[in-house]
C-alpha atoms as a PDB file:
ATOM      1  CA  UNK A   1      21.612  -7.775   5.673  1.00  0.00           C
ATOM      2  CA  UNK A   2      20.056  -6.504   8.876  1.00  0.00           C
ATOM      3  CA  UNK A   3      17.097  -4.158   9.051  1.00  0.00           C
ATOM      4  CA  UNK A   4      19.303  -1.503  10.683  1.00  0.00           C
ATOM      5  CA  UNK A   5      21.087  -1.049   7.355  1.00  0.00           C
ATOM      6  CA  UNK A   6      17.947   0.301   5.694  1.00  0.00           C
ATOM      7  CA  UNK A   7      19.635   2.244   2.918  1.00  0.00           C
ATOM      8  CA  UNK A   8      20.734  -0.965   1.181  1.00  0.00           C
ATOM      9  CA  UNK A   9      17.181  -2.241   0.920  1.00  0.00           C
ATOM     10  CA  UNK A  10      16.015  -2.515  -2.702  1.00  0.00           C
ATOM     11  CA  UNK A  11      13.658   0.169  -3.953  1.00  0.00           C
ATOM     12  CA  UNK A  12      10.022  -0.839  -4.321  1.00  0.00           C
ATOM     13  CA  UNK A  13      10.236  -0.259  -8.069  1.00  0.00           C
ATOM     14  CA  UNK A  14      13.065  -2.813  -8.386  1.00  0.00           C
ATOM     15  CA  UNK A  15      11.135  -5.608  -6.699  1.00  0.00           C
ATOM     16  CA  UNK A  16       9.129  -8.498  -8.041  1.00  0.00           C
ATOM     17  CA  UNK A  17       5.412  -7.893  -7.968  1.00  0.00           C
ATOM     18  CA  UNK A  18       3.743 -10.563  -5.809  1.00  0.00           C
ATOM     19  CA  UNK A  19       3.444 -14.225  -4.919  1.00  0.00           C
ATOM     20  CA  UNK A  20       0.145 -15.923  -4.068  1.00  0.00           C
ATOM     21  CA  UNK A  21       0.170 -19.237  -2.171  1.00  0.00           C
ATOM     22  CA  UNK A  22      -2.450 -21.436  -0.556  1.00  0.00           C
ATOM     23  CA  UNK A  23      -2.637 -24.818   1.214  1.00  0.00           C
ATOM     24  CA  UNK A  24       1.017 -24.866   2.184  1.00  0.00           C
ATOM     25  CA  UNK A  25       3.458 -24.092   4.984  1.00  0.00           C
ATOM     26  CA  UNK A  26       5.788 -21.108   4.851  1.00  0.00           C
ATOM     27  CA  UNK A  27       8.890 -21.061   7.020  1.00  0.00           C
ATOM     28  CA  UNK A  28      12.273 -19.394   7.165  1.00  0.00           C
ATOM     29  CA  UNK A  29      15.226 -20.747   5.237  1.00  0.00           C
ATOM     30  CA  UNK A  30      18.530 -18.918   5.838  1.00  0.00           C
ATOM     31  CA  UNK A  31      17.732 -15.211   5.222  1.00  0.00           C
ATOM     32  CA  UNK A  32      14.802 -16.079   2.989  1.00  0.00           C
ATOM     33  CA  UNK A  33      11.709 -18.312   3.057  1.00  0.00           C
ATOM     34  CA  UNK A  34      10.677 -21.715   1.764  1.00  0.00           C
ATOM     35  CA  UNK A  35       7.232 -22.961   0.768  1.00  0.00           C
ATOM     36  CA  UNK A  36       6.309 -26.566   1.583  1.00  0.00           C
ATOM     37  CA  UNK A  37       3.342 -28.293  -0.075  1.00  0.00           C
ATOM     38  CA  UNK A  38       2.369 -31.694  -1.445  1.00  0.00           C
ATOM     39  CA  UNK A  39       4.914 -31.329  -4.249  1.00  0.00           C
ATOM     40  CA  UNK A  40       7.851 -30.646  -1.929  1.00  0.00           C
ATOM     41  CA  UNK A  41       9.835 -27.563  -0.981  1.00  0.00           C
ATOM     42  CA  UNK A  42      10.329 -24.405  -3.043  1.00  0.00           C
ATOM     43  CA  UNK A  43      12.875 -21.827  -1.788  1.00  0.00           C
ATOM     44  CA  UNK A  44      11.749 -18.241  -2.382  1.00  0.00           C
ATOM     45  CA  UNK A  45      14.226 -15.328  -2.159  1.00  0.00           C
ATOM     46  CA  UNK A  46      12.281 -12.499  -0.560  1.00  0.00           C
ATOM     47  CA  UNK A  47      14.713  -9.563  -0.697  1.00  0.00           C
ATOM     48  CA  UNK A  48      13.018  -8.250  -3.850  1.00  0.00           C
ATOM     49  CA  UNK A  49       9.495  -9.536  -3.222  1.00  0.00           C
ATOM     50  CA  UNK A  50       6.949  -6.723  -2.827  1.00  0.00           C
ATOM     51  CA  UNK A  51       3.922  -8.700  -1.648  1.00  0.00           C
ATOM     52  CA  UNK A  52       3.218 -12.194  -0.326  1.00  0.00           C
ATOM     53  CA  UNK A  53      -0.489 -13.100  -0.497  1.00  0.00           C
ATOM     54  CA  UNK A  54      -1.495 -15.934   1.851  1.00  0.00           C
ATOM     55  CA  UNK A  55      -4.635 -17.765   0.777  1.00  0.00           C
ATOM     56  CA  UNK A  56      -6.658 -20.441   2.626  1.00  0.00           C
ATOM     57  CA  UNK A  57      -4.833 -23.346   4.238  1.00  0.00           C
ATOM     58  CA  UNK A  58      -1.539 -21.509   4.791  1.00  0.00           C
ATOM     59  CA  UNK A  59       0.472 -21.752   7.988  1.00  0.00           C
ATOM     60  CA  UNK A  60       3.422 -19.408   8.375  1.00  0.00           C
ATOM     61  CA  UNK A  61       6.068 -19.364  11.088  1.00  0.00           C
ATOM     62  CA  UNK A  62       7.039 -16.399  13.226  1.00  0.00           C
ATOM     63  CA  UNK A  63      10.565 -16.587  11.804  1.00  0.00           C
ATOM     64  CA  UNK A  64       9.242 -16.379   8.227  1.00  0.00           C
ATOM     65  CA  UNK A  65       7.150 -13.304   8.994  1.00  0.00           C
ATOM     66  CA  UNK A  66      10.167 -11.713  10.682  1.00  0.00           C
ATOM     67  CA  UNK A  67      12.483 -12.206   7.698  1.00  0.00           C
ATOM     68  CA  UNK A  68       9.807 -10.967   5.283  1.00  0.00           C
ATOM     69  CA  UNK A  69       9.346  -7.829   7.396  1.00  0.00           C
ATOM     70  CA  UNK A  70      13.114  -7.290   7.525  1.00  0.00           C
ATOM     71  CA  UNK A  71      13.177  -7.266   3.726  1.00  0.00           C
ATOM     72  CA  UNK A  72      10.214  -4.877   3.408  1.00  0.00           C
ATOM     73  CA  UNK A  73       7.868  -7.485   1.900  1.00  0.00           C
ATOM     74  CA  UNK A  74       4.209  -6.816   2.714  1.00  0.00           C
ATOM     75  CA  UNK A  75       2.333  -9.891   3.946  1.00  0.00           C
ATOM     76  CA  UNK A  76      -1.401  -9.997   3.214  1.00  0.00           C
ATOM     77  CA  UNK A  77      -3.883 -12.605   4.388  1.00  0.00           C
ATOM     78  CA  UNK A  78      -6.616 -13.033   1.775  1.00  0.00           C
ATOM     79  CA  UNK A  79      -9.420 -15.312   0.642  1.00  0.00           C
ATOM     80  CA  UNK A  80      -9.374 -17.978  -2.027  1.00  0.00           C
ATOM     81  CA  UNK A  81      -7.784 -16.813  -5.284  1.00  0.00           C
ATOM     82  CA  UNK A  82      -6.843 -13.555  -3.544  1.00  0.00           C
ATOM     83  CA  UNK A  83     -10.344 -12.115  -3.851  1.00  0.00           C
ATOM     84  CA  UNK A  84     -11.183 -11.317  -0.227  1.00  0.00           C
ATOM     85  CA  UNK A  85      -8.813  -9.294   1.963  1.00  0.00           C
ATOM     86  CA  UNK A  86      -8.510 -10.009   5.693  1.00  0.00           C
ATOM     87  CA  UNK A  87      -5.365  -8.501   7.176  1.00  0.00           C
ATOM     88  CA  UNK A  88      -2.021  -7.030   6.251  1.00  0.00           C
ATOM     89  CA  UNK A  89       1.390  -6.484   7.808  1.00  0.00           C
ATOM     90  CA  UNK A  90       3.497  -3.324   7.904  1.00  0.00           C
ATOM     91  CA  UNK A  91       5.783  -1.799   5.299  1.00  0.00           C
ATOM     92  CA  UNK A  92       9.472  -1.063   5.775  1.00  0.00           C
ATOM     93  CA  UNK A  93       9.401   2.702   6.281  1.00  0.00           C
ATOM     94  CA  UNK A  94       9.324   4.089   9.820  1.00  0.00           C
ATOM     95  CA  UNK A  95       8.990   7.752   8.859  1.00  0.00           C
ATOM     96  CA  UNK A  96       5.578   9.432   9.125  1.00  0.00           C
ATOM     97  CA  UNK A  97       6.414  12.345   6.798  1.00  0.00           C
ATOM     98  CA  UNK A  98       4.498  10.932   3.813  1.00  0.00           C
ATOM     99  CA  UNK A  99       1.475  10.075   5.948  1.00  0.00           C
ATOM    100  CA  UNK A 100       1.432  13.516   7.573  1.00  0.00           C
ATOM    101  CA  UNK A 101       1.533  15.191   4.153  1.00  0.00           C
ATOM    102  CA  UNK A 102      -1.274  12.944   2.939  1.00  0.00           C
ATOM    103  CA  UNK A 103      -3.371  13.699   6.035  1.00  0.00           C
ATOM    104  CA  UNK A 104      -2.888  17.480   5.689  1.00  0.00           C
ATOM    105  CA  UNK A 105      -3.881  17.318   2.031  1.00  0.00           C
ATOM    106  CA  UNK A 106      -6.864  15.082   2.767  1.00  0.00           C
ATOM    107  CA  UNK A 107      -8.155  17.374   5.548  1.00  0.00           C
ATOM    108  CA  UNK A 108      -8.051  20.567   3.432  1.00  0.00           C
ATOM    109  CA  UNK A 109     -11.048  20.707   1.061  1.00  0.00           C
ATOM    110  CA  UNK A 110      -9.247  22.769  -1.595  1.00  0.00           C
ATOM    111  CA  UNK A 111      -6.098  20.633  -1.547  1.00  0.00           C
ATOM    112  CA  UNK A 112      -8.193  17.470  -1.611  1.00  0.00           C
ATOM    113  CA  UNK A 113     -10.071  18.641  -4.680  1.00  0.00           C
ATOM    114  CA  UNK A 114      -6.744  19.334  -6.402  1.00  0.00           C
ATOM    115  CA  UNK A 115      -5.652  15.762  -5.677  1.00  0.00           C
ATOM    116  CA  UNK A 116      -8.942  14.410  -7.026  1.00  0.00           C
ATOM    117  CA  UNK A 117      -8.498  16.343 -10.263  1.00  0.00           C
ATOM    118  CA  UNK A 118      -4.909  15.093 -10.612  1.00  0.00           C
ATOM    119  CA  UNK A 119      -6.071  11.515 -10.035  1.00  0.00           C
ATOM    120  CA  UNK A 120      -8.555  11.886 -12.900  1.00  0.00           C
ATOM    121  CA  UNK A 121      -6.077  13.807 -15.068  1.00  0.00           C
ATOM    122  CA  UNK A 122      -3.661  10.846 -15.088  1.00  0.00           C
ATOM    123  CA  UNK A 123      -6.352   8.708 -16.731  1.00  0.00           C
ATOM    124  CA  UNK A 124      -6.837  10.955 -19.780  1.00  0.00           C
ATOM    125  CA  UNK A 125      -4.331  11.617 -22.578  1.00  0.00           C
ATOM    126  CA  UNK A 126      -4.968  15.365 -22.750  1.00  0.00           C
ATOM    127  CA  UNK A 127      -5.364  18.063 -20.100  1.00  0.00           C
ATOM    128  CA  UNK A 128      -8.746  18.426 -18.437  1.00  0.00           C
ATOM    129  CA  UNK A 129     -10.503  21.751 -18.852  1.00  0.00           C
ATOM    130  CA  UNK A 130     -10.205  23.602 -15.519  1.00  0.00           C
ATOM    131  CA  UNK A 131     -13.799  24.755 -15.992  1.00  0.00           C
ATOM    132  CA  UNK A 132     -15.108  21.171 -15.768  1.00  0.00           C
ATOM    133  CA  UNK A 133     -16.973  20.371 -12.566  1.00  0.00           C
ATOM    134  CA  UNK A 134     -16.188  17.241 -10.586  1.00  0.00           C
ATOM    135  CA  UNK A 135     -19.527  15.765 -11.632  1.00  0.00           C
ATOM    136  CA  UNK A 136     -18.687  16.319 -15.306  1.00  0.00           C
ATOM    137  CA  UNK A 137     -15.280  14.682 -14.837  1.00  0.00           C
ATOM    138  CA  UNK A 138     -16.927  11.667 -13.209  1.00  0.00           C
ATOM    139  CA  UNK A 139     -19.219  11.401 -16.215  1.00  0.00           C
ATOM    140  CA  UNK A 140     -16.242  11.458 -18.585  1.00  0.00           C
ATOM    141  CA  UNK A 141     -14.562   8.753 -16.518  1.00  0.00           C
ATOM    142  CA  UNK A 142     -17.670   6.583 -16.656  1.00  0.00           C
ATOM    143  CA  UNK A 143     -17.740   6.841 -20.462  1.00  0.00           C
ATOM    144  CA  UNK A 144     -14.020   6.018 -20.663  1.00  0.00           C
ATOM    145  CA  UNK A 145     -14.401   2.859 -18.568  1.00  0.00           C
ATOM    146  CA  UNK A 146     -17.503   1.669 -20.446  1.00  0.00           C
ATOM    147  CA  UNK A 147     -15.683   2.114 -23.747  1.00  0.00           C
ATOM    148  CA  UNK A 148     -12.729   0.131 -22.415  1.00  0.00           C
ATOM    149  CA  UNK A 149     -15.003  -2.784 -21.480  1.00  0.00           C
ATOM    150  CA  UNK A 150     -16.711  -2.637 -24.883  1.00  0.00           C
ATOM    151  CA  UNK A 151     -13.392  -2.567 -26.752  1.00  0.00           C
ATOM    152  CA  UNK A 152     -12.042  -5.519 -24.749  1.00  0.00           C
ATOM    153  CA  UNK A 153     -15.193  -7.480 -25.527  1.00  0.00           C
ATOM    154  CA  UNK A 154     -14.900  -6.718 -29.267  1.00  0.00           C
ATOM    155  CA  UNK A 155     -11.202  -7.553 -29.386  1.00  0.00           C
ATOM    156  CA  UNK A 156     -11.550 -10.899 -27.611  1.00  0.00           C
ATOM    157  CA  UNK A 157     -15.048 -11.987 -28.579  1.00  0.00           C
ATOM    158  CA  UNK A 158     -16.010 -12.420 -24.924  1.00  0.00           C
ATOM    159  CA  UNK A 159     -19.685 -11.486 -24.298  1.00  0.00           C
ATOM    160  CA  UNK A 160     -20.091  -8.536 -21.953  1.00  0.00           C
ATOM    161  CA  UNK A 161     -23.278  -7.526 -20.163  1.00  0.00           C
ATOM    162  CA  UNK A 162     -21.864  -5.352 -17.397  1.00  0.00           C
ATOM    163  CA  UNK A 163     -19.838  -5.540 -14.210  1.00  0.00           C
ATOM    164  CA  UNK A 164     -21.645  -7.683 -11.670  1.00  0.00           C
ATOM    165  CA  UNK A 165     -20.718 -10.259  -9.049  1.00  0.00           C
ATOM    166  CA  UNK A 166     -21.559 -11.192  -5.468  1.00  0.00           C
ATOM    167  CA  UNK A 167     -18.894 -12.289  -2.999  1.00  0.00           C
ATOM    168  CA  UNK A 168     -21.302 -14.665  -1.317  1.00  0.00           C
ATOM    169  CA  UNK A 169     -22.230 -16.225  -4.691  1.00  0.00           C
ATOM    170  CA  UNK A 170     -18.820 -16.189  -6.338  1.00  0.00           C
ATOM    171  CA  UNK A 171     -19.413 -19.322  -8.445  1.00  0.00           C
ATOM    172  CA  UNK A 172     -22.564 -17.883 -10.020  1.00  0.00           C
ATOM    173  CA  UNK A 173     -20.770 -14.920 -11.613  1.00  0.00           C
ATOM    174  CA  UNK A 174     -19.946 -15.226 -15.317  1.00  0.00           C
ATOM    175  CA  UNK A 175     -16.310 -16.080 -16.181  1.00  0.00           C
ATOM    176  CA  UNK A 176     -15.240 -12.602 -17.270  1.00  0.00           C
ATOM    177  CA  UNK A 177     -16.581 -11.027 -14.070  1.00  0.00           C
ATOM    178  CA  UNK A 178     -14.712 -13.609 -12.002  1.00  0.00           C
ATOM    179  CA  UNK A 179     -11.574 -12.896 -14.028  1.00  0.00           C
ATOM    180  CA  UNK A 180     -11.966  -9.158 -13.449  1.00  0.00           C
ATOM    181  CA  UNK A 181     -12.337  -9.669  -9.700  1.00  0.00           C
ATOM    182  CA  UNK A 182      -9.200 -11.802  -9.503  1.00  0.00           C
ATOM    183  CA  UNK A 183      -7.212  -9.364 -11.650  1.00  0.00           C
ATOM    184  CA  UNK A 184      -8.362  -6.355  -9.626  1.00  0.00           C
ATOM    185  CA  UNK A 185      -7.480  -8.137  -6.368  1.00  0.00           C
ATOM    186  CA  UNK A 186      -3.933  -8.659  -7.615  1.00  0.00           C
ATOM    187  CA  UNK A 187      -3.757  -5.004  -8.597  1.00  0.00           C
ATOM    188  CA  UNK A 188      -5.129  -3.894  -5.224  1.00  0.00           C
ATOM    189  CA  UNK A 189      -2.482  -5.974  -3.492  1.00  0.00           C
ATOM    190  CA  UNK A 190       0.365  -4.407  -5.468  1.00  0.00           C
ATOM    191  CA  UNK A 191      -0.964  -0.872  -4.972  1.00  0.00           C
ATOM    192  CA  UNK A 192      -1.479  -1.552  -1.265  1.00  0.00           C
ATOM    193  CA  UNK A 193       2.106  -2.790  -0.952  1.00  0.00           C
ATOM    194  CA  UNK A 194       3.429   0.313  -2.737  1.00  0.00           C
ATOM    195  CA  UNK A 195       1.337   2.691  -0.623  1.00  0.00           C
ATOM    196  CA  UNK A 196       2.426   1.156   2.680  1.00  0.00           C
ATOM    197  CA  UNK A 197       6.036   0.793   1.527  1.00  0.00           C
ATOM    198  CA  UNK A 198       6.189   4.529   0.798  1.00  0.00           C
ATOM    199  CA  UNK A 199       4.671   5.410   4.179  1.00  0.00           C
ATOM    200  CA  UNK A 200       1.172   6.480   3.100  1.00  0.00           C
ATOM    201  CA  UNK A 201      -2.138   5.389   4.598  1.00  0.00           C
ATOM    202  CA  UNK A 202      -4.321   3.044   2.517  1.00  0.00           C
ATOM    203  CA  UNK A 203      -7.411   4.399   4.312  1.00  0.00           C
ATOM    204  CA  UNK A 204      -7.150   8.131   3.538  1.00  0.00           C
ATOM    205  CA  UNK A 205      -8.725   8.125   0.093  1.00  0.00           C
ATOM    206  CA  UNK A 206      -9.484  11.234  -1.942  1.00  0.00           C
ATOM    207  CA  UNK A 207     -11.995   9.993  -4.509  1.00  0.00           C
ATOM    208  CA  UNK A 208     -13.073   6.939  -2.529  1.00  0.00           C
ATOM    209  CA  UNK A 209     -13.920   7.309   1.142  1.00  0.00           C
ATOM    210  CA  UNK A 210     -15.148   5.373   4.155  1.00  0.00           C
ATOM    211  CA  UNK A 211     -13.150   2.165   3.656  1.00  0.00           C
ATOM    212  CA  UNK A 212      -9.825   1.024   5.083  1.00  0.00           C
ATOM    213  CA  UNK A 213      -8.566   0.625   1.490  1.00  0.00           C
ATOM    214  CA  UNK A 214     -10.029   3.824   0.014  1.00  0.00           C
ATOM    215  CA  UNK A 215      -6.649   5.180  -1.147  1.00  0.00           C
ATOM    216  CA  UNK A 216      -5.773   1.773  -2.617  1.00  0.00           C
ATOM    217  CA  UNK A 217      -8.892   2.017  -4.787  1.00  0.00           C
ATOM    218  CA  UNK A 218      -7.944   5.577  -5.799  1.00  0.00           C
ATOM    219  CA  UNK A 219      -4.512   4.457  -6.971  1.00  0.00           C
ATOM    220  CA  UNK A 220      -5.582   1.159  -8.549  1.00  0.00           C
ATOM    221  CA  UNK A 221      -8.135   2.943 -10.744  1.00  0.00           C
ATOM    222  CA  UNK A 222      -5.227   4.629 -12.532  1.00  0.00           C
ATOM    223  CA  UNK A 223      -4.210   1.307 -14.079  1.00  0.00           C
ATOM    224  CA  UNK A 224      -7.345  -0.826 -14.520  1.00  0.00           C
ATOM    225  CA  UNK A 225      -8.130   0.110 -18.119  1.00  0.00           C
ATOM    226  CA  UNK A 226      -4.496  -0.446 -19.097  1.00  0.00           C
ATOM    227  CA  UNK A 227      -3.770  -3.639 -17.172  1.00  0.00           C
ATOM    228  CA  UNK A 228      -6.527  -5.617 -15.483  1.00  0.00           C
ATOM    229  CA  UNK A 229      -9.441  -5.177 -17.905  1.00  0.00           C
ATOM    230  CA  UNK A 230      -7.541  -6.344 -21.022  1.00  0.00           C
ATOM    231  CA  UNK A 231      -5.860  -9.100 -18.995  1.00  0.00           C
ATOM    232  CA  UNK A 232      -9.147 -10.477 -17.659  1.00  0.00           C
ATOM    233  CA  UNK A 233     -10.826 -10.507 -21.080  1.00  0.00           C
ATOM    234  CA  UNK A 234      -7.831 -12.203 -22.760  1.00  0.00           C
ATOM    235  CA  UNK A 235      -7.670 -14.888 -20.090  1.00  0.00           C
ATOM    236  CA  UNK A 236     -11.410 -15.538 -20.381  1.00  0.00           C
ATOM    237  CA  UNK A 237     -11.149 -15.805 -24.152  1.00  0.00           C
ATOM    238  CA  UNK A 238      -8.633 -18.643 -23.691  1.00  0.00           C
ATOM    239  CA  UNK A 239     -11.193 -20.733 -21.797  1.00  0.00           C
ATOM    240  CA  UNK A 240     -12.546 -21.154 -18.294  1.00  0.00           C
ATOM    241  CA  UNK A 241     -10.404 -24.105 -17.186  1.00  0.00           C
ATOM    242  CA  UNK A 242      -8.128 -22.905 -14.375  1.00  0.00           C
ATOM    243  CA  UNK A 243      -9.282 -19.370 -15.078  1.00  0.00           C
ATOM    244  CA  UNK A 244      -8.382 -17.785 -11.739  1.00  0.00           C
ATOM    245  CA  UNK A 245      -4.831 -19.126 -11.763  1.00  0.00           C
ATOM    246  CA  UNK A 246      -4.269 -18.069 -15.379  1.00  0.00           C
ATOM    247  CA  UNK A 247      -5.503 -14.571 -14.569  1.00  0.00           C
ATOM    248  CA  UNK A 248      -3.025 -14.260 -11.697  1.00  0.00           C
ATOM    249  CA  UNK A 249      -0.130 -15.444 -13.867  1.00  0.00           C
ATOM    250  CA  UNK A 250      -1.144 -13.135 -16.715  1.00  0.00           C
ATOM    251  CA  UNK A 251      -1.435 -10.215 -14.282  1.00  0.00           C
ATOM    252  CA  UNK A 252       2.044 -10.930 -12.980  1.00  0.00           C
ATOM    253  CA  UNK A 253       3.413 -10.762 -16.536  1.00  0.00           C
ATOM    254  CA  UNK A 254       1.402  -7.606 -17.265  1.00  0.00           C
ATOM    255  CA  UNK A 255       2.756  -5.900 -14.150  1.00  0.00           C
ATOM    256  CA  UNK A 256       6.254  -6.559 -15.448  1.00  0.00           C
ATOM    257  CA  UNK A 257       5.615  -5.543 -19.077  1.00  0.00           C
ATOM    258  CA  UNK A 258       3.919  -2.280 -18.052  1.00  0.00           C
ATOM    259  CA  UNK A 259       6.677  -1.585 -15.470  1.00  0.00           C
ATOM    260  CA  UNK A 260       3.934  -1.065 -12.916  1.00  0.00           C
ATOM    261  CA  UNK A 261       6.140  -1.239  -9.819  1.00  0.00           C
ATOM    262  CA  UNK A 262       8.274   1.601 -11.175  1.00  0.00           C
ATOM    263  CA  UNK A 263       5.242   3.807 -11.676  1.00  0.00           C
ATOM    264  CA  UNK A 264       3.015   3.506  -8.606  1.00  0.00           C
ATOM    265  CA  UNK A 265       5.032   5.422  -5.989  1.00  0.00           C
ATOM    266  CA  UNK A 266       5.998   8.282  -8.375  1.00  0.00           C
ATOM    267  CA  UNK A 267       2.354   8.554  -9.474  1.00  0.00           C
ATOM    268  CA  UNK A 268       1.219   8.742  -5.837  1.00  0.00           C
ATOM    269  CA  UNK A 269       3.821  11.423  -5.127  1.00  0.00           C
ATOM    270  CA  UNK A 270       2.663  13.358  -8.185  1.00  0.00           C
ATOM    271  CA  UNK A 271      -1.027  13.351  -7.313  1.00  0.00           C
ATOM    272  CA  UNK A 272      -0.264  14.344  -3.715  1.00  0.00           C
ATOM    273  CA  UNK A 273       2.165  17.037  -4.902  1.00  0.00           C
ATOM    274  CA  UNK A 274       4.892  15.469  -2.782  1.00  0.00           C
ATOM    275  CA  UNK A 275       8.503  15.969  -3.894  1.00  0.00           C
ATOM    276  CA  UNK A 276      10.215  12.740  -4.865  1.00  0.00           C
ATOM    277  CA  UNK A 277      12.810  11.531  -2.359  1.00  0.00           C
ATOM    278  CA  UNK A 278      16.502  11.149  -3.171  1.00  0.00           C
ATOM    279  CA  UNK A 279      17.913   8.199  -5.005  1.00  0.00           C
ATOM    280  CA  UNK A 280      18.623   6.228  -1.848  1.00  0.00           C
ATOM    281  CA  UNK A 281      16.907   2.880  -1.556  1.00  0.00           C
ATOM    282  CA  UNK A 282      14.904   3.957   1.477  1.00  0.00           C
ATOM    283  CA  UNK A 283      13.391   7.046   3.032  1.00  0.00           C
ATOM    284  CA  UNK A 284      16.212   9.494   3.769  1.00  0.00           C
ATOM    285  CA  UNK A 285      15.007   9.941   7.339  1.00  0.00           C
ATOM    286  CA  UNK A 286      15.256   6.258   8.171  1.00  0.00           C
ATOM    287  CA  UNK A 287      18.734   6.390   9.653  1.00  0.00           C
ATOM    288  CA  UNK A 288      17.578   9.118  12.024  1.00  0.00           C
ATOM    289  CA  UNK A 289      14.390   7.189  12.719  1.00  0.00           C
ATOM    290  CA  UNK A 290      16.312   4.119  13.857  1.00  0.00           C
ATOM    291  CA  UNK A 291      18.660   6.158  16.033  1.00  0.00           C
ATOM    292  CA  UNK A 292      16.168   8.257  18.014  1.00  0.00           C
ATOM    293  CA  UNK A 293      12.451   8.666  18.641  1.00  0.00           C
ATOM    294  CA  UNK A 294      10.433  11.284  16.821  1.00  0.00           C
ATOM    295  CA  UNK A 295       9.620  14.775  18.008  1.00  0.00           C
ATOM    296  CA  UNK A 296       6.990  15.708  20.562  1.00  0.00           C
ATOM    297  CA  UNK A 297       3.921  17.743  19.603  1.00  0.00           C
ATOM    298  CA  UNK A 298       3.634  21.175  21.170  1.00  0.00           C
ATOM    299  CA  UNK A 299       0.587  23.487  20.817  1.00  0.00           C
ATOM    300  CA  UNK A 300       2.722  26.614  20.405  1.00  0.00           C
ATOM    301  CA  UNK A 301       6.008  25.397  18.898  1.00  0.00           C
ATOM    302  CA  UNK A 302       4.551  22.704  16.700  1.00  0.00           C
ATOM    303  CA  UNK A 303       7.229  20.145  17.537  1.00  0.00           C
ATOM    304  CA  UNK A 304       9.979  19.891  20.116  1.00  0.00           C
ATOM    305  CA  UNK A 305      12.852  17.453  20.274  1.00  0.00           C
ATOM    306  CA  UNK A 306      12.104  14.001  21.620  1.00  0.00           C
ATOM    307  CA  UNK A 307      14.339  11.434  23.231  1.00  0.00           C
ATOM    308  CA  UNK A 308      15.794  13.712  25.897  1.00  0.00           C
ATOM    309  CA  UNK A 309      14.886  15.150  29.274  1.00  0.00           C
ATOM    310  CA  UNK A 310      12.891  18.384  29.073  1.00  0.00           C
ATOM    311  CA  UNK A 311      13.891  19.430  32.575  1.00  0.00           C
ATOM    312  CA  UNK A 312      12.053  22.382  34.042  1.00  0.00           C
ATOM    313  CA  UNK A 313      14.484  24.762  35.716  1.00  0.00           C
ATOM    314  CA  UNK A 314      14.228  25.187  39.494  1.00  0.00           C
ATOM    315  CA  UNK A 315      11.865  27.976  40.427  1.00  0.00           C
ATOM    316  CA  UNK A 316      10.258  28.100  36.956  1.00  0.00           C
ATOM    317  CA  UNK A 317       7.197  26.231  38.161  1.00  0.00           C
ATOM    318  CA  UNK A 318       6.323  25.805  41.808  1.00  0.00           C
ATOM    319  CA  UNK A 319       6.336  22.184  42.892  1.00  0.00           C
ATOM    320  CA  UNK A 320       8.665  20.987  40.159  1.00  0.00           C
ATOM    321  CA  UNK A 321      11.831  19.401  41.498  1.00  0.00           C
ATOM    322  CA  UNK A 322      15.074  20.052  39.573  1.00  0.00           C
ATOM    323  CA  UNK A 323      15.775  17.297  37.073  1.00  0.00           C
ATOM    324  CA  UNK A 324      12.155  16.188  36.889  1.00  0.00           C
ATOM    325  CA  UNK A 325       9.090  17.024  34.831  1.00  0.00           C
ATOM    326  CA  UNK A 326       6.185  18.690  36.571  1.00  0.00           C
ATOM    327  CA  UNK A 327       3.055  16.563  36.407  1.00  0.00           C
ATOM    328  CA  UNK A 328      -0.136  18.540  37.107  1.00  0.00           C
ATOM    329  CA  UNK A 329      -1.771  17.294  40.274  1.00  0.00           C
ATOM    330  CA  UNK A 330       1.154  15.025  41.139  1.00  0.00           C
ATOM    331  CA  UNK A 331       4.330  17.043  41.829  1.00  0.00           C
ATOM    332  CA  UNK A 332       7.516  15.054  41.698  1.00  0.00           C
ATOM    333  CA  UNK A 333       5.882  11.898  40.280  1.00  0.00           C
ATOM    334  CA  UNK A 334       7.511  11.983  36.862  1.00  0.00           C
ATOM    335  CA  UNK A 335      10.568   9.851  36.276  1.00  0.00           C
ATOM    336  CA  UNK A 336      13.861  11.556  35.541  1.00  0.00           C
ATOM    337  CA  UNK A 337      14.378  12.021  31.813  1.00  0.00           C
ATOM    338  CA  UNK A 338      10.756  11.168  30.996  1.00  0.00           C
ATOM    339  CA  UNK A 339       9.743  13.400  28.090  1.00  0.00           C
ATOM    340  CA  UNK A 340       6.418  11.736  27.416  1.00  0.00           C
ATOM    341  CA  UNK A 341       7.900  10.031  24.397  1.00  0.00           C
ATOM    342  CA  UNK A 342       9.667   6.677  24.111  1.00  0.00           C
ATOM    343  CA  UNK A 343      13.187   5.469  24.695  1.00  0.00           C
ATOM    344  CA  UNK A 344      15.606   5.699  21.773  1.00  0.00           C
END
């Protein structure tokens, strides 16, 4: 399968959740990848993999990154146990329609407030009173989260004194806080992969703001009380030996049992009031996107067609030669067919 045939790519919801690796070498094997470590080689089919998290000590070949990108798998470089995030690759969509809708909604104060209310609404079983202020809703959310922590502590017998940890002093945090950090990092990775895969920006948050992952935090908060908090407390209750690895494995199973990959993109579309795309495996505009460049912005028309010569007719503008674009201050300098865009 070549990347040009984008409509046969699997949907994000049909993929596996994630794979975390460290201290190994990742290279291409056929149209997939293989992981080499002290125990030997493990082939990994990547057509359905949503996210590959690369921890410390990983080397990855150019060919492996290329085949992962072809299959729409997001590659993230992270710290030990997946806790610290460093860099990320690009998702499979090439259409900007979702991002433009998100940006318009984010930039309009009234529309943004509507998104914020919908993000909170998804966390509560019943409808929120429209008369509630945003501050009151935040207070209700704080109570809901505190009660979730308290219930998890009662159910598992794990002592709980509050959420607290320092990145620079990771080892000094108590086991349940370390487990929560690992679980949340896995959740952030999956939400990040879904957001980028669907063509949204992880930086344009609505509740959270000012960080490159603000929208990731917005989306991940929809699932923490259901998935990562109970998972972290259960794993801690089973002991602290190999805690971080057990949390990651338990999260992987929880993502499957809660059908998380099926839910993230539709939830994002719902909160942004974006109509769901058709049932094709990729964005419906992708075929067009691969065949021609996008439109060109125009201050009066909004958008004009790209990928062709916008020739100014002879005599329409003095100094413009037929078949060429007029360039202010430099008549006749534009190349033939140059529309200010890019070649198809």
